[in-house]
């Protein structure tokens, strides 16, 4: 039996049947019953991307908090981010779409492109294994050079407002030292509960550190 032909994505070969599946949208299979869509590969690729990038962040930013790393990962693996990578790789032109999806501009839609990128990563994992798939993910996501956010206050407020309309408040517990070298101790409170405490050379710095501590505690609790 002749070997399957291969095609390349980002310089890596993938067998033609597997790549075709990775780039087949469900709208195409609705009109072509014999075809297989990319949803299972997308499911697999999503997990590979998240683990690969989580591992990258963990080892690249050893001094960053769990809250900061979570925010950086969310930005990197977001739909717009993955869609940009799909465009860079030229995946849009290679996706098989149904007529209706094609006419509605689906080939340029972020959600569809992001799904295709995830599916291609899933295909690379099946074809070449974890090491190759991980390097592929990092070579693209790592090159984005996304900053790890230091806006702990904004991140904390976003997290708390997802479950409560009440925003956190910050209170100065202590202010000491001369005017040119003051030290502030601040606590952050939400619904009467103390979430964290921070010390800094300014109120703003102390508030950010208090929010960072609160994020670490809340996220650690949610992962238990």
N, C-alpha and C. Protein backbone atom coordinates (compact mmCIF):
# COMPACT_ATOMS: atom_id res chain seq x y z
N UNK A 1 0.86 -1.19 0.00
CA UNK A 1 0.00 0.00 0.00
C UNK A 1 0.89 1.24 0.00
N UNK A 2 0.57 2.20 -0.82
CA UNK A 2 1.37 3.41 -0.91
C UNK A 2 1.22 4.23 0.36
N UNK A 3 2.31 4.88 0.77
CA UNK A 3 2.26 5.71 1.97
C UNK A 3 1.42 6.95 1.70
N UNK A 4 0.78 7.45 2.76
CA UNK A 4 -0.03 8.65 2.63
C UNK A 4 0.85 9.83 2.26
N UNK A 5 0.36 10.69 1.40
CA UNK A 5 1.08 11.91 1.07
C UNK A 5 1.09 12.82 2.29
N UNK A 6 2.11 13.67 2.36
CA UNK A 6 2.18 14.60 3.48
C UNK A 6 2.14 16.04 2.98
N UNK A 7 1.64 16.92 3.84
CA UNK A 7 1.65 18.35 3.58
C UNK A 7 2.22 19.03 4.81
N UNK A 8 2.72 20.24 4.63
CA UNK A 8 3.40 20.91 5.73
C UNK A 8 2.56 22.04 6.32
N UNK A 9 2.69 22.20 7.62
CA UNK A 9 2.12 23.34 8.34
C UNK A 9 3.22 23.88 9.24
N UNK A 10 3.58 25.12 9.03
CA UNK A 10 4.65 25.69 9.84
C UNK A 10 5.95 24.93 9.73
N UNK A 11 6.20 24.34 8.56
CA UNK A 11 7.44 23.61 8.35
C UNK A 11 7.42 22.17 8.81
N UNK A 12 6.31 21.73 9.40
CA UNK A 12 6.21 20.35 9.89
C UNK A 12 5.28 19.53 8.99
N UNK A 13 5.70 18.32 8.61
CA UNK A 13 4.85 17.49 7.76
C UNK A 13 3.72 16.84 8.55
N UNK A 14 2.56 16.79 7.93
CA UNK A 14 1.40 16.08 8.50
C UNK A 14 0.81 15.25 7.38
N UNK A 15 0.43 14.02 7.66
CA UNK A 15 -0.16 13.18 6.62
C UNK A 15 -1.40 13.87 6.08
N UNK A 16 -1.59 13.74 4.78
CA UNK A 16 -2.68 14.46 4.12
C UNK A 16 -4.06 14.13 4.70
N UNK A 17 -4.37 12.87 4.99
CA UNK A 17 -5.70 12.59 5.57
C UNK A 17 -5.91 13.28 6.92
N UNK A 18 -4.88 13.31 7.75
CA UNK A 18 -5.00 13.91 9.07
C UNK A 18 -5.13 15.43 8.97
N UNK A 19 -4.34 16.04 8.10
CA UNK A 19 -4.42 17.49 7.92
C UNK A 19 -5.75 17.89 7.31
N UNK A 20 -6.23 17.09 6.37
CA UNK A 20 -7.54 17.37 5.77
C UNK A 20 -8.63 17.37 6.83
N UNK A 21 -8.57 16.40 7.73
CA UNK A 21 -9.55 16.35 8.82
C UNK A 21 -9.43 17.58 9.71
N UNK A 22 -8.19 17.97 10.03
CA UNK A 22 -7.97 19.12 10.91
C UNK A 22 -8.52 20.41 10.32
N UNK A 23 -8.60 20.47 9.00
CA UNK A 23 -9.05 21.69 8.33
C UNK A 23 -10.44 21.54 7.72
N UNK A 24 -11.22 20.61 8.25
CA UNK A 24 -12.59 20.41 7.76
C UNK A 24 -13.59 20.89 8.80
N UNK A 25 -14.32 21.93 8.46
CA UNK A 25 -15.34 22.49 9.36
C UNK A 25 -16.60 21.64 9.30
N UNK A 26 -17.35 21.64 10.38
CA UNK A 26 -18.56 20.81 10.43
C UNK A 26 -19.59 21.21 9.37
N UNK A 27 -19.54 22.46 8.90
CA UNK A 27 -20.47 22.88 7.85
C UNK A 27 -20.20 22.13 6.55
N UNK A 28 -18.95 21.74 6.33
CA UNK A 28 -18.59 20.98 5.13
C UNK A 28 -19.13 19.56 5.22
N UNK A 29 -19.03 18.96 6.40
CA UNK A 29 -19.50 17.58 6.55
C UNK A 29 -21.02 17.50 6.45
N UNK A 30 -21.70 18.59 6.76
CA UNK A 30 -23.16 18.60 6.63
C UNK A 30 -23.57 18.45 5.17
N UNK A 31 -22.73 18.94 4.27
CA UNK A 31 -23.02 18.87 2.84
C UNK A 31 -22.29 17.70 2.17
N UNK A 32 -21.33 17.12 2.88
CA UNK A 32 -20.56 16.00 2.34
C UNK A 32 -20.49 14.91 3.41
N UNK A 33 -21.52 14.08 3.49
CA UNK A 33 -21.66 13.11 4.58
C UNK A 33 -20.46 12.18 4.80
N UNK A 34 -19.66 11.94 3.81
CA UNK A 34 -18.52 11.04 3.99
C UNK A 34 -17.32 11.68 4.67
N UNK A 35 -17.33 13.01 4.79
CA UNK A 35 -16.19 13.71 5.38
C UNK A 35 -16.27 13.70 6.91
N UNK A 36 -15.13 13.90 7.55
CA UNK A 36 -15.06 13.94 9.02
C UNK A 36 -14.60 15.33 9.44
N UNK A 37 -15.33 15.95 10.36
CA UNK A 37 -14.97 17.31 10.77
C UNK A 37 -13.82 17.32 11.79
N UNK A 38 -13.39 18.52 12.13
CA UNK A 38 -12.19 18.68 12.97
C UNK A 38 -12.48 18.83 14.47
N UNK A 39 -13.71 18.59 14.90
CA UNK A 39 -14.05 18.90 16.29
C UNK A 39 -13.29 18.03 17.30
N UNK A 40 -13.08 16.77 17.01
CA UNK A 40 -12.33 15.92 17.94
C UNK A 40 -10.85 16.34 18.01
N UNK A 41 -10.28 16.67 16.86
CA UNK A 41 -8.90 17.15 16.85
C UNK A 41 -8.78 18.49 17.57
N UNK A 42 -9.79 19.32 17.42
CA UNK A 42 -9.83 20.61 18.12
C UNK A 42 -9.83 20.39 19.63
N UNK A 43 -10.63 19.44 20.08
CA UNK A 43 -10.70 19.10 21.50
C UNK A 43 -9.33 18.67 22.03
N UNK A 44 -8.65 17.83 21.25
CA UNK A 44 -7.33 17.35 21.64
C UNK A 44 -6.31 18.49 21.63
N UNK A 45 -6.32 19.26 20.55
CA UNK A 45 -5.36 20.35 20.42
C UNK A 45 -5.50 21.41 21.49
N UNK A 46 -6.73 21.68 21.90
CA UNK A 46 -6.97 22.65 22.97
C UNK A 46 -6.22 22.24 24.24
N UNK A 47 -6.30 20.96 24.58
CA UNK A 47 -5.62 20.46 25.79
C UNK A 47 -4.11 20.52 25.64
N UNK A 48 -3.61 20.19 24.45
CA UNK A 48 -2.16 20.22 24.20
C UNK A 48 -1.63 21.65 24.33
N UNK A 49 -2.34 22.60 23.73
CA UNK A 49 -1.92 24.00 23.78
C UNK A 49 -1.88 24.51 25.21
N UNK A 50 -2.93 24.22 25.96
CA UNK A 50 -3.00 24.73 27.33
C UNK A 50 -1.87 24.15 28.19
N UNK A 51 -1.64 22.86 28.08
CA UNK A 51 -0.57 22.25 28.88
C UNK A 51 0.80 22.76 28.45
N UNK A 52 1.03 22.83 27.15
CA UNK A 52 2.34 23.27 26.64
C UNK A 52 2.64 24.70 27.08
N UNK A 53 1.64 25.58 26.98
CA UNK A 53 1.89 26.97 27.33
C UNK A 53 1.95 27.17 28.83
N UNK A 54 1.19 26.38 29.58
CA UNK A 54 1.27 26.44 31.04
C UNK A 54 2.67 26.05 31.51
N UNK A 55 3.20 24.99 30.94
CA UNK A 55 4.55 24.53 31.27
C UNK A 55 5.58 25.61 30.92
N UNK A 56 5.40 26.24 29.77
CA UNK A 56 6.30 27.31 29.33
C UNK A 56 6.29 28.47 30.31
N UNK A 57 5.10 28.93 30.70
CA UNK A 57 5.00 30.05 31.64
C UNK A 57 5.60 29.69 33.00
N UNK A 58 5.32 28.50 33.46
CA UNK A 58 5.81 28.07 34.78
C UNK A 58 7.34 28.14 34.85
N UNK A 59 8.00 27.70 33.80
CA UNK A 59 9.46 27.66 33.82
C UNK A 59 10.10 28.97 33.37
N UNK A 60 9.38 29.79 32.63
CA UNK A 60 9.93 31.05 32.14
C UNK A 60 9.80 32.17 33.16
N UNK A 61 8.75 32.14 33.96
CA UNK A 61 8.50 33.20 34.94
C UNK A 61 8.44 32.61 36.36
N UNK A 62 9.58 32.19 36.90
CA UNK A 62 9.58 31.53 38.22
C UNK A 62 9.16 32.44 39.37
N UNK A 63 9.25 33.75 39.19
CA UNK A 63 8.91 34.67 40.28
C UNK A 63 7.47 35.17 40.20
N UNK A 64 6.75 34.80 39.18
CA UNK A 64 5.38 35.30 39.00
C UNK A 64 4.38 34.46 39.79
N UNK A 65 3.32 35.13 40.23
CA UNK A 65 2.29 34.44 41.01
C UNK A 65 1.38 33.62 40.11
N UNK A 66 0.62 32.74 40.73
CA UNK A 66 -0.33 31.91 39.98
C UNK A 66 -1.35 32.78 39.27
N UNK A 67 -1.77 33.87 39.93
CA UNK A 67 -2.74 34.76 39.31
C UNK A 67 -2.21 35.41 38.05
N UNK A 68 -0.95 35.86 38.09
CA UNK A 68 -0.32 36.47 36.92
C UNK A 68 -0.18 35.48 35.78
N UNK A 69 0.25 34.27 36.11
CA UNK A 69 0.44 33.25 35.08
C UNK A 69 -0.89 32.87 34.44
N UNK A 70 -1.94 32.79 35.25
CA UNK A 70 -3.27 32.46 34.71
C UNK A 70 -3.74 33.54 33.75
N UNK A 71 -3.50 34.81 34.10
CA UNK A 71 -3.91 35.91 33.24
C UNK A 71 -3.14 35.90 31.92
N UNK A 72 -1.82 35.61 32.01
CA UNK A 72 -1.00 35.55 30.80
C UNK A 72 -1.44 34.42 29.89
N UNK A 73 -1.74 33.27 30.49
CA UNK A 73 -2.18 32.12 29.69
C UNK A 73 -3.51 32.41 29.01
N UNK A 74 -4.44 33.02 29.76
CA UNK A 74 -5.75 33.33 29.19
C UNK A 74 -5.62 34.24 27.97
N UNK A 75 -4.69 35.21 28.05
CA UNK A 75 -4.49 36.12 26.92
C UNK A 75 -3.87 35.40 25.73
N UNK A 76 -2.90 34.53 26.00
CA UNK A 76 -2.17 33.86 24.92
C UNK A 76 -3.02 32.85 24.18
N UNK A 77 -3.87 32.13 24.89
CA UNK A 77 -4.66 31.07 24.25
C UNK A 77 -6.08 31.55 23.94
N UNK A 78 -6.28 32.86 23.98
CA UNK A 78 -7.61 33.40 23.67
C UNK A 78 -7.93 33.22 22.20
N UNK A 79 -9.19 33.34 21.88
CA UNK A 79 -9.63 33.17 20.49
C UNK A 79 -8.93 34.13 19.53
N UNK A 80 -8.86 35.44 19.84
CA UNK A 80 -8.17 36.35 18.91
C UNK A 80 -6.70 36.00 18.71
N UNK A 81 -6.04 35.57 19.79
CA UNK A 81 -4.62 35.21 19.70
C UNK A 81 -4.41 34.00 18.79
N UNK A 82 -5.19 32.95 19.00
CA UNK A 82 -5.05 31.75 18.17
C UNK A 82 -5.46 32.02 16.73
N UNK A 83 -6.45 32.90 16.54
CA UNK A 83 -6.88 33.24 15.18
C UNK A 83 -5.75 33.96 14.44
N UNK A 84 -5.02 34.83 15.14
CA UNK A 84 -3.88 35.52 14.51
C UNK A 84 -2.83 34.51 14.06
N UNK A 85 -2.58 33.52 14.90
CA UNK A 85 -1.60 32.50 14.52
C UNK A 85 -2.07 31.69 13.32
N UNK A 86 -3.37 31.40 13.28
CA UNK A 86 -3.92 30.67 12.13
C UNK A 86 -3.73 31.47 10.85
N UNK A 87 -3.92 32.78 10.93
CA UNK A 87 -3.72 33.63 9.75
C UNK A 87 -2.24 33.64 9.34
N UNK A 88 -1.36 33.71 10.32
CA UNK A 88 0.07 33.70 10.03
C UNK A 88 0.47 32.43 9.29
N UNK A 89 -0.15 31.32 9.65
CA UNK A 89 0.16 30.03 9.01
C UNK A 89 -0.62 29.82 7.71
N UNK A 90 -1.49 30.76 7.39
CA UNK A 90 -2.27 30.63 6.15
C UNK A 90 -3.33 29.55 6.20
N UNK A 91 -3.85 29.26 7.39
CA UNK A 91 -4.82 28.17 7.51
C UNK A 91 -6.17 28.53 6.90
N UNK A 92 -6.54 29.80 6.95
CA UNK A 92 -7.85 30.21 6.47
C UNK A 92 -8.15 29.75 5.06
N UNK A 93 -7.18 29.90 4.18
CA UNK A 93 -7.38 29.53 2.77
C UNK A 93 -7.48 28.02 2.58
N UNK A 94 -7.06 27.24 3.56
CA UNK A 94 -7.03 25.78 3.41
C UNK A 94 -8.21 25.07 4.08
N UNK A 95 -9.03 25.82 4.81
CA UNK A 95 -10.15 25.21 5.52
C UNK A 95 -11.26 24.83 4.54
N UNK A 96 -11.82 23.65 4.73
CA UNK A 96 -12.96 23.21 3.91
C UNK A 96 -14.25 23.63 4.62
N UNK A 97 -15.04 24.43 3.92
CA UNK A 97 -16.28 24.96 4.48
C UNK A 97 -17.48 24.58 3.64
N UNK A 98 -18.64 24.58 4.28
CA UNK A 98 -19.88 24.42 3.54
C UNK A 98 -20.19 25.71 2.79
N UNK A 99 -21.06 25.64 1.82
CA UNK A 99 -21.35 26.82 1.00
C UNK A 99 -21.90 27.98 1.83
N UNK A 100 -22.80 27.66 2.74
CA UNK A 100 -23.40 28.72 3.54
C UNK A 100 -22.37 29.42 4.42
N UNK A 101 -21.51 28.64 5.03
CA UNK A 101 -20.46 29.20 5.90
C UNK A 101 -19.48 30.03 5.09
N UNK A 102 -19.19 29.56 3.89
CA UNK A 102 -18.29 30.29 3.00
C UNK A 102 -18.88 31.64 2.63
N UNK A 103 -20.14 31.65 2.27
CA UNK A 103 -20.80 32.88 1.83
C UNK A 103 -20.95 33.88 2.97
N UNK A 104 -21.02 33.39 4.20
CA UNK A 104 -21.20 34.30 5.34
C UNK A 104 -19.86 34.82 5.89
N UNK A 105 -18.77 34.49 5.22
CA UNK A 105 -17.46 34.99 5.64
C UNK A 105 -16.79 34.18 6.73
N UNK A 106 -17.22 32.93 6.89
CA UNK A 106 -16.66 32.09 7.95
C UNK A 106 -15.17 31.90 7.86
N UNK A 107 -14.62 31.95 6.66
CA UNK A 107 -13.19 31.72 6.46
C UNK A 107 -12.34 32.77 7.19
N UNK A 108 -12.95 33.91 7.48
CA UNK A 108 -12.21 35.00 8.13
C UNK A 108 -12.64 35.20 9.58
N UNK A 109 -13.50 34.34 10.08
CA UNK A 109 -14.02 34.49 11.44
C UNK A 109 -13.01 33.97 12.47
N UNK A 110 -12.79 34.76 13.52
CA UNK A 110 -11.82 34.38 14.55
C UNK A 110 -12.11 33.02 15.17
N UNK A 111 -13.37 32.78 15.49
CA UNK A 111 -13.71 31.52 16.17
C UNK A 111 -13.36 30.32 15.31
N UNK A 112 -13.65 30.40 14.03
CA UNK A 112 -13.37 29.29 13.12
C UNK A 112 -11.87 29.09 12.93
N UNK A 113 -11.14 30.20 12.81
CA UNK A 113 -9.69 30.11 12.63
C UNK A 113 -9.00 29.57 13.88
N UNK A 114 -9.45 30.02 15.05
CA UNK A 114 -8.87 29.52 16.30
C UNK A 114 -9.11 28.03 16.45
N UNK A 115 -10.31 27.59 16.09
CA UNK A 115 -10.62 26.15 16.15
C UNK A 115 -9.72 25.36 15.20
N UNK A 116 -9.46 25.92 14.03
CA UNK A 116 -8.60 25.24 13.06
C UNK A 116 -7.18 25.12 13.58
N UNK A 117 -6.69 26.18 14.23
CA UNK A 117 -5.34 26.12 14.80
C UNK A 117 -5.26 25.03 15.86
N UNK A 118 -6.26 24.96 16.73
CA UNK A 118 -6.28 23.92 17.76
C UNK A 118 -6.30 22.53 17.14
N UNK A 119 -7.09 22.38 16.08
CA UNK A 119 -7.18 21.07 15.42
C UNK A 119 -5.85 20.67 14.78
N UNK A 120 -5.15 21.64 14.20
CA UNK A 120 -3.85 21.35 13.61
C UNK A 120 -2.85 20.92 14.68
N UNK A 121 -2.90 21.57 15.84
CA UNK A 121 -2.02 21.17 16.94
C UNK A 121 -2.36 19.74 17.38
N UNK A 122 -3.65 19.43 17.43
CA UNK A 122 -4.06 18.06 17.75
C UNK A 122 -3.52 17.07 16.74
N UNK A 123 -3.55 17.44 15.47
CA UNK A 123 -3.02 16.57 14.42
C UNK A 123 -1.51 16.38 14.56
N UNK A 124 -0.81 17.47 14.87
CA UNK A 124 0.64 17.37 15.07
C UNK A 124 0.98 16.46 16.24
N UNK A 125 0.18 16.54 17.29
CA UNK A 125 0.39 15.68 18.45
C UNK A 125 0.23 14.20 18.07
N UNK A 126 -0.81 13.90 17.31
CA UNK A 126 -1.03 12.51 16.89
C UNK A 126 0.06 12.03 15.95
N UNK A 127 0.50 12.91 15.08
CA UNK A 127 1.48 12.54 14.06
C UNK A 127 2.91 12.42 14.62
N UNK A 128 3.27 13.37 15.50
CA UNK A 128 4.67 13.46 15.92
C UNK A 128 4.90 13.29 17.42
N UNK A 129 3.85 13.32 18.22
CA UNK A 129 4.03 13.16 19.66
C UNK A 129 4.14 14.48 20.41
N UNK A 130 4.27 14.35 21.73
CA UNK A 130 4.22 15.50 22.62
C UNK A 130 5.36 16.50 22.38
N UNK A 131 6.59 16.05 22.26
CA UNK A 131 7.72 16.97 22.17
C UNK A 131 7.60 17.90 20.97
N UNK A 132 7.26 17.34 19.82
CA UNK A 132 7.13 18.15 18.61
C UNK A 132 5.95 19.11 18.73
N UNK A 133 4.82 18.62 19.23
CA UNK A 133 3.65 19.48 19.38
C UNK A 133 3.93 20.61 20.36
N UNK A 134 4.60 20.29 21.46
CA UNK A 134 4.93 21.32 22.46
C UNK A 134 5.84 22.39 21.86
N UNK A 135 6.87 21.98 21.14
CA UNK A 135 7.79 22.94 20.53
C UNK A 135 7.07 23.82 19.50
N UNK A 136 6.14 23.22 18.76
CA UNK A 136 5.37 23.99 17.78
C UNK A 136 4.56 25.07 18.48
N UNK A 137 3.87 24.69 19.56
CA UNK A 137 3.05 25.65 20.31
C UNK A 137 3.91 26.78 20.86
N UNK A 138 5.01 26.45 21.50
CA UNK A 138 5.86 27.46 22.12
C UNK A 138 6.53 28.34 21.07
N UNK A 139 6.88 27.77 19.93
CA UNK A 139 7.53 28.57 18.88
C UNK A 139 6.60 29.66 18.38
N UNK A 140 5.29 29.44 18.50
CA UNK A 140 4.33 30.44 18.04
C UNK A 140 3.79 31.30 19.19
N UNK A 141 3.33 30.68 20.25
CA UNK A 141 2.81 31.46 21.37
C UNK A 141 3.93 32.20 22.10
N UNK A 142 5.08 31.57 22.24
CA UNK A 142 6.19 32.22 22.92
C UNK A 142 6.67 33.45 22.17
N UNK A 143 6.55 33.45 20.85
CA UNK A 143 7.00 34.59 20.05
C UNK A 143 6.09 35.80 20.17
N UNK A 144 4.90 35.60 20.76
CA UNK A 144 3.98 36.73 20.93
C UNK A 144 4.51 37.73 21.95
N UNK A 145 5.39 37.26 22.84
CA UNK A 145 5.97 38.10 23.88
C UNK A 145 4.90 38.85 24.65
N UNK A 146 3.87 38.15 25.03
CA UNK A 146 2.80 38.78 25.80
C UNK A 146 3.29 39.10 27.20
N UNK A 147 3.04 40.33 27.66
CA UNK A 147 3.47 40.66 29.02
C UNK A 147 2.64 39.92 30.05
N UNK A 148 3.28 39.52 31.13
CA UNK A 148 2.54 38.95 32.24
C UNK A 148 1.99 40.12 33.03
N UNK A 149 0.68 40.20 33.13
CA UNK A 149 0.05 41.37 33.73
C UNK A 149 0.46 41.56 35.19
N UNK A 150 0.63 42.84 35.57
CA UNK A 150 0.88 43.16 36.97
C UNK A 150 -0.30 43.94 37.55
N UNK A 151 -1.39 44.02 36.81
CA UNK A 151 -2.59 44.70 37.32
C UNK A 151 -3.39 43.73 38.17
N UNK A 152 -2.87 43.46 39.35
CA UNK A 152 -3.54 42.51 40.23
C UNK A 152 -4.91 43.02 40.68
N UNK A 153 -5.02 44.34 40.87
CA UNK A 153 -6.29 44.91 41.31
C UNK A 153 -7.38 44.68 40.27
N UNK A 154 -7.04 44.92 39.01
CA UNK A 154 -8.02 44.71 37.95
C UNK A 154 -8.41 43.25 37.82
N UNK A 155 -7.42 42.38 37.92
CA UNK A 155 -7.68 40.94 37.83
C UNK A 155 -8.55 40.47 38.99
N UNK A 156 -8.26 40.97 40.21
CA UNK A 156 -9.05 40.58 41.38
C UNK A 156 -10.49 41.06 41.25
N UNK A 157 -10.66 42.31 40.81
CA UNK A 157 -12.01 42.84 40.66
C UNK A 157 -12.80 42.04 39.63
N UNK A 158 -12.14 41.69 38.53
CA UNK A 158 -12.79 40.89 37.49
C UNK A 158 -13.23 39.53 38.03
N UNK A 159 -12.36 38.92 38.82
CA UNK A 159 -12.66 37.60 39.38
C UNK A 159 -13.82 37.67 40.36
N UNK A 160 -13.82 38.69 41.23
CA UNK A 160 -14.87 38.80 42.24
C UNK A 160 -16.20 39.20 41.63
N UNK A 161 -16.17 40.06 40.61
CA UNK A 161 -17.41 40.50 39.99
C UNK A 161 -18.07 39.40 39.17
N UNK A 162 -17.33 38.36 38.88
CA UNK A 162 -17.93 37.23 38.16
C UNK A 162 -18.94 36.51 39.04
N UNK A 163 -18.78 36.63 40.36
CA UNK A 163 -19.70 35.94 41.27
C UNK A 163 -20.43 36.89 42.20
N UNK A 164 -20.07 38.16 42.19
CA UNK A 164 -20.69 39.12 43.09
C UNK A 164 -20.64 40.51 42.47
N UNK A 165 -21.68 41.30 42.70
CA UNK A 165 -21.70 42.66 42.16
C UNK A 165 -20.87 43.61 43.01
N UNK A 166 -20.49 43.20 44.19
CA UNK A 166 -19.75 44.06 45.11
C UNK A 166 -18.26 44.03 44.79
N UNK A 167 -17.67 45.21 44.67
CA UNK A 167 -16.24 45.30 44.36
C UNK A 167 -15.42 45.28 45.64
N UNK A 168 -14.17 44.88 45.56
CA UNK A 168 -13.32 44.87 46.76
C UNK A 168 -12.93 46.29 47.16
N UNK A 169 -12.63 46.49 48.43
CA UNK A 169 -12.19 47.80 48.92
C UNK A 169 -10.82 47.65 49.58
N UNK A 170 -10.05 48.74 49.56
CA UNK A 170 -8.69 48.73 50.08
C UNK A 170 -8.58 49.73 51.24
N UNK A 171 -7.94 49.30 52.32
CA UNK A 171 -7.83 50.13 53.52
C UNK A 171 -6.37 50.18 53.98
N UNK A 172 -5.90 51.40 54.27
CA UNK A 172 -4.55 51.57 54.79
C UNK A 172 -4.54 51.21 56.27
N UNK A 173 -3.79 50.19 56.63
CA UNK A 173 -3.70 49.76 58.03
C UNK A 173 -2.59 50.49 58.78
N UNK A 174 -1.56 50.86 58.04
CA UNK A 174 -0.41 51.49 58.69
C UNK A 174 0.34 52.34 57.68
N UNK A 175 0.81 53.49 58.14
CA UNK A 175 1.64 54.38 57.33
C UNK A 175 2.79 54.85 58.20
N UNK A 176 4.01 54.57 57.79
CA UNK A 176 5.16 54.90 58.63
C UNK A 176 6.31 55.42 57.80
N UNK A 177 7.30 56.01 58.49
CA UNK A 177 8.49 56.49 57.82
C UNK A 177 8.40 57.94 57.42
N UNK A 178 9.54 58.55 57.09
CA UNK A 178 9.56 59.95 56.66
C UNK A 178 8.89 60.13 55.30
N UNK A 179 8.59 61.36 54.97
CA UNK A 179 7.86 61.65 53.73
C UNK A 179 8.56 61.10 52.49
N UNK A 180 9.88 61.11 52.49
CA UNK A 180 10.60 60.67 51.29
C UNK A 180 10.79 59.15 51.23
N UNK A 181 10.41 58.45 52.28
CA UNK A 181 10.59 56.99 52.30
C UNK A 181 9.50 56.32 53.14
N UNK A 182 8.27 56.61 52.79
CA UNK A 182 7.15 56.05 53.54
C UNK A 182 6.93 54.57 53.21
N UNK A 183 6.32 53.88 54.15
CA UNK A 183 5.92 52.49 53.95
C UNK A 183 4.44 52.37 54.29
N UNK A 184 3.69 51.74 53.41
CA UNK A 184 2.25 51.58 53.60
C UNK A 184 1.91 50.10 53.74
N UNK A 185 1.00 49.83 54.66
CA UNK A 185 0.44 48.49 54.80
C UNK A 185 -1.04 48.59 54.47
N UNK A 186 -1.48 47.82 53.48
CA UNK A 186 -2.86 47.90 52.99
C UNK A 186 -3.49 46.52 53.01
N UNK A 187 -4.77 46.47 53.34
CA UNK A 187 -5.51 45.20 53.24
C UNK A 187 -6.64 45.37 52.24
N UNK A 188 -7.01 44.28 51.59
CA UNK A 188 -8.14 44.29 50.67
C UNK A 188 -9.26 43.47 51.29
N UNK A 189 -10.47 44.03 51.24
CA UNK A 189 -11.63 43.42 51.87
C UNK A 189 -12.75 43.28 50.85
N UNK A 190 -13.46 42.16 50.92
CA UNK A 190 -14.61 41.95 50.05
C UNK A 190 -15.75 41.35 50.85
N UNK A 191 -16.87 42.05 50.88
CA UNK A 191 -18.05 41.59 51.62
C UNK A 191 -17.69 41.27 53.08
N UNK A 192 -16.90 42.16 53.68
CA UNK A 192 -16.54 42.02 55.09
C UNK A 192 -15.43 41.02 55.37
N UNK A 193 -14.89 40.39 54.34
CA UNK A 193 -13.86 39.37 54.54
C UNK A 193 -12.50 39.88 54.07
N UNK A 194 -11.49 39.75 54.90
CA UNK A 194 -10.13 40.16 54.53
C UNK A 194 -9.54 39.11 53.60
N UNK A 195 -9.14 39.57 52.42
CA UNK A 195 -8.62 38.64 51.42
C UNK A 195 -7.10 38.64 51.32
N UNK A 196 -6.48 39.78 51.60
CA UNK A 196 -5.03 39.84 51.45
C UNK A 196 -4.46 41.11 52.03
N UNK A 197 -3.14 41.12 52.22
CA UNK A 197 -2.45 42.28 52.77
C UNK A 197 -1.18 42.51 51.99
N UNK A 198 -0.81 43.79 51.79
CA UNK A 198 0.39 44.11 51.05
C UNK A 198 1.15 45.26 51.67
N UNK A 199 2.47 45.28 51.47
CA UNK A 199 3.33 46.34 51.98
C UNK A 199 4.08 46.95 50.80
N UNK A 200 4.10 48.30 50.74
CA UNK A 200 4.78 48.95 49.64
C UNK A 200 5.23 50.35 49.98
N UNK A 201 6.02 50.94 49.07
CA UNK A 201 6.52 52.30 49.26
C UNK A 201 5.49 53.35 48.87
N UNK A 202 4.40 52.91 48.31
CA UNK A 202 3.28 53.80 47.98
C UNK A 202 1.99 53.05 48.21
N UNK A 203 0.88 53.80 48.31
CA UNK A 203 -0.41 53.14 48.50
C UNK A 203 -0.70 52.22 47.32
N UNK A 204 -0.38 52.71 46.12
CA UNK A 204 -0.66 51.92 44.91
C UNK A 204 0.10 50.60 44.92
N UNK A 205 1.36 50.65 45.28
CA UNK A 205 2.16 49.42 45.32
C UNK A 205 1.63 48.45 46.37
N UNK A 206 1.27 48.98 47.54
CA UNK A 206 0.75 48.13 48.61
C UNK A 206 -0.59 47.51 48.21
N UNK A 207 -1.43 48.29 47.53
CA UNK A 207 -2.73 47.77 47.07
C UNK A 207 -2.53 46.64 46.07
N UNK A 208 -1.59 46.82 45.14
CA UNK A 208 -1.33 45.78 44.14
C UNK A 208 -0.83 44.50 44.82
N UNK A 209 0.02 44.64 45.82
CA UNK A 209 0.54 43.46 46.52
C UNK A 209 -0.56 42.78 47.34
N UNK A 210 -1.45 43.58 47.91
CA UNK A 210 -2.58 42.99 48.65
C UNK A 210 -3.49 42.22 47.70
N UNK A 211 -3.72 42.80 46.52
CA UNK A 211 -4.56 42.13 45.52
C UNK A 211 -3.89 40.85 45.03
N UNK A 212 -2.56 40.88 44.85
CA UNK A 212 -1.83 39.69 44.40
C UNK A 212 -1.96 38.56 45.42
N UNK A 213 -1.85 38.91 46.71
CA UNK A 213 -2.00 37.88 47.75
C UNK A 213 -3.41 37.32 47.75
N UNK A 214 -4.40 38.21 47.57
CA UNK A 214 -5.79 37.76 47.53
C UNK A 214 -6.03 36.82 46.35
N UNK A 215 -5.47 37.16 45.20
CA UNK A 215 -5.61 36.31 44.02
C UNK A 215 -5.01 34.93 44.26
N UNK A 216 -3.83 34.90 44.83
CA UNK A 216 -3.18 33.62 45.11
C UNK A 216 -4.05 32.75 46.00
N UNK A 217 -4.62 33.35 47.03
CA UNK A 217 -5.45 32.59 47.96
C UNK A 217 -6.73 32.09 47.30
N UNK A 218 -7.39 32.98 46.56
CA UNK A 218 -8.66 32.61 45.93
C UNK A 218 -8.46 31.53 44.87
N UNK A 219 -7.42 31.69 44.04
CA UNK A 219 -7.19 30.73 42.97
C UNK A 219 -6.71 29.39 43.52
N UNK A 220 -5.94 29.43 44.61
CA UNK A 220 -5.51 28.17 45.24
C UNK A 220 -6.71 27.44 45.81
N UNK A 221 -7.64 28.20 46.39
CA UNK A 221 -8.84 27.58 46.96
C UNK A 221 -9.72 26.97 45.87
N UNK A 222 -9.82 27.67 44.73
CA UNK A 222 -10.69 27.17 43.65
C UNK A 222 -10.12 25.93 42.99
N UNK A 223 -8.80 25.72 43.11
CA UNK A 223 -8.18 24.55 42.48
C UNK A 223 -8.14 23.34 43.40
N UNK A 224 -8.52 23.54 44.69
CA UNK A 224 -8.52 22.42 45.64
C UNK A 224 -9.62 21.42 45.32
